Amino acid sequence: MSIDGKKVIEVLEKINVKMEENKAYLSELDAAIGDGDHGLNMCKGFKAVVEKLKEDDGQDIAGILKKTGMALVTNVGGASGPLYGTAFMKAAGCVSGKTEIDINDFGEMLYYALEGIKMRGRSEAEDKTMIDALEPALKAVREGISKELEAKEVLRLAKEAAFKGVEHTKDIIAKKGRASYLGLRSIGHQDAGATSSAIMLETIYQAFN
């Protein structure tokens, strides 16, 4: 199953809708151990993405992802803007020149996005960040591809793995950002960044289901 740039834009528009729907929820999660503005920031960021892509003809997938990354860096406050912006711009690098992408490309995009987040945030798994959702998702994608599963099934496994990672963030100590100042008191709280990452992957799955 391959998709073109117009479908990529459509998925990004759906993510924008999901961020609006989950704005209060994400901010509530963030308020427990962070600044309390993650939902608002993500909502603002993806609204800017949709605006940025309004006139895009969908012919250059890498260009779409670069525009998305730049819009997020510019419009999302806190650490999330640079991290998500870097993720999309790194993903763009591995689909340069492509007008269509498939599940193998998605796996590569997710890998480079994750590496970009790790590099920019100087974070790893178990730091109670979005990495704790994205790394299990990448593992699920790679396993699904290796088993030659249908793309929709691979995406389903990825979003399920991401939400399991989100649940796991309740059990670990925050080591990055404002939440890290809480130390042991951060245990029991779900990471907002991991949650927004899982919501994105869920939206991607739903767009093809």
Protein backbone atom coordinates (compact mmCIF):
# COMPACT_ATOMS: atom_id res chain seq x y z
CA MET A 1 0.00 0.00 0.00
CA SER A 2 1.47 3.30 -1.16
CA ILE A 3 0.20 6.81 -0.51
CA ASP A 4 0.88 10.11 -2.24
CA GLY A 5 1.58 13.55 -0.87
CA LYS A 6 -2.07 14.59 -0.85
CA LYS A 7 -2.82 11.68 1.48
CA VAL A 8 0.08 12.73 3.72
CA ILE A 9 -1.46 16.21 3.95
CA GLU A 10 -4.85 14.65 4.71
CA VAL A 11 -3.31 12.66 7.59
CA LEU A 12 -1.68 15.81 8.98
CA GLU A 13 -5.06 17.54 8.83
CA LYS A 14 -6.58 14.65 10.79
CA ILE A 15 -3.79 14.96 13.38
CA ASN A 16 -4.71 18.62 13.72
CA VAL A 17 -8.31 17.63 14.48
CA LYS A 18 -7.15 15.06 17.04
CA MET A 19 -4.93 17.59 18.78
CA GLU A 20 -7.88 19.95 19.06
CA GLU A 21 -10.03 17.16 20.48
CA ASN A 22 -7.35 16.21 23.01
CA LYS A 23 -6.17 19.73 23.89
CA ALA A 24 -7.61 19.77 27.40
CA TYR A 25 -6.60 16.16 28.10
CA LEU A 26 -2.97 16.68 27.08
CA SER A 27 -2.73 19.91 29.06
CA GLU A 28 -4.22 18.19 32.11
CA LEU A 29 -1.60 15.44 31.89
CA ASP A 30 1.12 18.06 31.52
CA ALA A 31 -0.18 20.12 34.44
CA ALA A 32 0.50 17.27 36.85
CA ILE A 33 4.27 17.29 36.29
CA GLY A 34 5.02 20.00 33.73
CA ASP A 35 3.93 23.44 32.57
CA GLY A 36 0.36 22.43 31.76
CA ASP A 37 0.40 23.78 28.21
CA HIS A 38 1.25 20.74 26.08
CA GLY A 39 -2.25 20.37 24.64
CA LEU A 40 -2.51 24.06 23.83
CA ASN A 41 0.92 24.07 22.21
CA MET A 42 0.29 20.98 20.10
CA CYS A 43 -3.06 22.36 18.99
CA LYS A 44 -1.46 25.65 18.01
CA GLY A 45 1.36 23.86 16.20
CA PHE A 46 -0.79 21.64 14.02
CA LYS A 47 -3.14 24.49 13.17
CA ALA A 48 -0.04 26.24 11.83
CA VAL A 49 0.89 23.09 9.91
CA VAL A 50 -2.49 22.96 8.19
CA GLU A 51 -2.22 26.66 7.31
CA LYS A 52 1.31 26.15 5.98
CA LEU A 53 0.18 23.29 3.73
CA LYS A 54 -3.00 24.97 2.48
CA GLU A 55 -1.51 25.79 -0.93
CA ASP A 56 0.77 22.73 -1.19
CA ASP A 57 0.15 20.63 -4.32
CA GLY A 58 1.22 17.41 -2.61
CA GLN A 59 3.88 16.58 -5.19
CA ASP A 60 6.87 16.58 -2.84
CA ILE A 61 6.49 14.48 0.30
CA ALA A 62 9.84 15.55 1.73
CA GLY A 63 8.80 19.17 1.22
CA ILE A 64 5.52 18.55 3.05
CA LEU A 65 7.37 17.06 6.02
CA LYS A 66 9.91 19.91 6.08
CA LYS A 67 7.13 22.50 6.10
CA THR A 68 5.46 20.57 8.91
CA GLY A 69 8.67 20.51 10.93
CA MET A 70 9.30 24.22 10.46
CA ALA A 71 5.72 25.09 11.45
CA LEU A 72 6.05 23.05 14.63
CA VAL A 73 9.43 24.52 15.57
CA THR A 74 8.06 28.03 15.06
CA ASN A 75 4.68 27.63 16.73
CA VAL A 76 4.94 24.99 19.47
CA GLY A 77 6.24 26.28 22.78
CA GLY A 78 8.56 24.54 25.22
CA ALA A 79 10.66 21.53 24.31
CA SER A 80 7.97 19.90 22.17
CA GLY A 81 8.35 22.33 19.25
CA PRO A 82 12.04 21.66 18.57
CA LEU A 83 11.61 17.94 19.24
CA TYR A 84 8.61 17.33 17.01
CA GLY A 85 9.96 19.78 14.44
CA THR A 86 13.26 17.90 14.31
CA ALA A 87 11.38 14.60 14.02
CA PHE A 88 9.48 15.68 10.91
CA MET A 89 12.52 17.28 9.29
CA LYS A 90 14.65 14.18 9.88
CA ALA A 91 11.82 12.04 8.45
CA ALA A 92 11.82 14.24 5.38
CA GLY A 93 15.45 13.43 4.70
CA CYS A 94 14.82 9.76 3.96
CA VAL A 95 12.00 10.35 1.44
CA SER A 96 13.69 13.05 -0.61
CA GLY A 97 12.39 13.10 -4.19
CA LYS A 98 9.55 10.68 -3.51
CA THR A 99 5.98 11.33 -4.64
CA GLU A 100 4.69 8.15 -2.98
CA ILE A 101 5.65 6.27 0.17
CA ASP A 102 4.88 2.80 1.53
CA ILE A 103 5.12 1.04 4.88
CA ASN A 104 8.86 0.48 4.43
CA ASP A 105 9.33 4.21 3.96
CA PHE A 106 7.21 4.82 7.05
CA GLY A 107 9.52 2.57 9.05
CA GLU A 108 12.53 4.54 7.86
CA MET A 109 10.78 7.85 8.58
CA LEU A 110 9.94 6.74 12.11
CA TYR A 111 13.53 5.60 12.70
CA TYR A 112 15.05 8.91 11.60
CA ALA A 113 12.39 10.89 13.45
CA LEU A 114 13.21 9.00 16.65
CA GLU A 115 16.94 9.46 16.19
CA GLY A 116 16.37 13.17 15.67
CA ILE A 117 14.38 13.41 18.89
CA LYS A 118 17.06 11.53 20.83
CA MET A 119 19.79 13.77 19.45
CA ARG A 120 17.91 17.05 19.98
CA GLY A 121 16.58 16.17 23.42
CA ARG A 122 19.65 14.21 24.53
CA SER A 123 17.22 11.58 25.75
CA GLU A 124 16.81 7.84 25.67
CA ALA A 125 14.10 5.32 26.50
CA GLU A 126 13.09 5.24 30.17
CA ASP A 127 13.53 9.01 30.54
CA LYS A 128 9.73 9.44 30.63
CA THR A 129 9.42 11.25 27.30
CA MET A 130 7.84 10.75 23.86
CA ILE A 131 10.67 8.30 23.16
CA ASP A 132 8.95 5.81 25.46
CA ALA A 133 6.03 5.71 23.01
CA LEU A 134 7.94 6.01 19.74
CA GLU A 135 10.66 3.42 20.35
CA PRO A 136 8.21 0.53 21.01
CA ALA A 137 6.22 1.70 17.97
CA LEU A 138 9.31 1.53 15.77
CA LYS A 139 10.10 -1.96 17.06
CA ALA A 140 6.54 -3.04 16.24
CA VAL A 141 6.78 -1.59 12.73
CA ARG A 142 10.05 -3.39 12.05
CA GLU A 143 8.71 -6.68 13.35
CA GLY A 144 5.52 -6.32 11.31
CA ILE A 145 7.47 -5.57 8.13
CA SER A 146 9.80 -8.52 8.73
CA LYS A 147 6.74 -10.79 9.02
CA GLU A 148 5.36 -9.28 5.78
CA LEU A 149 2.14 -8.20 7.46
CA GLU A 150 -0.26 -5.86 5.67
CA ALA A 151 0.47 -2.18 6.14
CA LYS A 152 -2.74 -1.58 8.11
CA GLU A 153 -1.83 -4.36 10.52
CA VAL A 154 1.67 -2.94 10.95
CA LEU A 155 0.18 0.47 11.78
CA ARG A 156 -2.21 -1.13 14.26
CA LEU A 157 0.65 -2.87 16.05
CA ALA A 158 2.61 0.39 16.09
CA LYS A 159 -0.14 2.42 17.75
CA GLU A 160 -0.84 -0.34 20.27
CA ALA A 161 2.86 -0.53 21.17
CA ALA A 162 2.93 3.26 21.53
CA PHE A 163 0.01 3.27 23.98
CA LYS A 164 1.65 0.50 25.99
CA GLY A 165 4.71 2.73 26.15
CA VAL A 166 2.51 5.58 27.36
CA GLU A 167 1.20 3.37 30.17
CA HIS A 168 4.77 2.50 31.09
CA THR A 169 5.62 6.17 31.60
CA LYS A 170 3.46 6.06 34.74
CA ASP A 171 5.96 3.66 36.30
CA ILE A 172 9.20 5.53 35.66
CA ILE A 173 10.92 8.63 37.00
CA ALA A 174 11.09 11.70 34.77
CA LYS A 175 14.67 12.54 33.83
CA LYS A 176 14.09 15.42 31.42
CA GLY A 177 12.41 18.79 31.53
CA ARG A 178 10.51 20.38 34.37
CA ALA A 179 9.10 17.00 35.43
CA SER A 180 12.62 15.82 36.31
CA TYR A 181 12.66 18.25 39.26
CA LEU A 182 9.94 16.16 40.92
CA GLY A 183 12.12 13.05 41.11
CA LEU A 184 10.19 10.16 42.68
CA ARG A 185 7.03 12.26 42.77
CA SER A 186 6.84 12.02 38.98
CA ILE A 187 6.03 8.30 39.31
CA GLY A 188 2.34 7.60 38.81
CA HIS A 189 1.92 10.33 36.22
CA GLN A 190 1.55 9.74 32.49
CA ASP A 191 3.86 11.67 30.18
CA ALA A 192 2.02 14.16 27.97
CA GLY A 193 4.60 14.03 25.15
CA ALA A 194 4.43 10.26 24.93
CA THR A 195 0.65 10.56 24.84
CA SER A 196 0.62 13.07 21.97
CA SER A 197 3.02 10.82 20.04
CA ALA A 198 0.72 7.83 20.53
CA ILE A 199 -2.27 9.90 19.44
CA MET A 200 -0.44 10.77 16.21
CA LEU A 201 0.27 7.11 15.49
CA GLU A 202 -3.31 6.19 16.29
CA THR A 203 -4.51 8.87 13.86
CA ILE A 204 -2.23 7.52 11.13
CA TYR A 205 -3.67 4.03 11.69
CA GLN A 206 -7.24 5.30 11.63
CA ALA A 207 -6.59 7.19 8.40
CA PHE A 208 -5.87 3.88 6.65
CA ASN A 209 -8.47 1.75 8.40
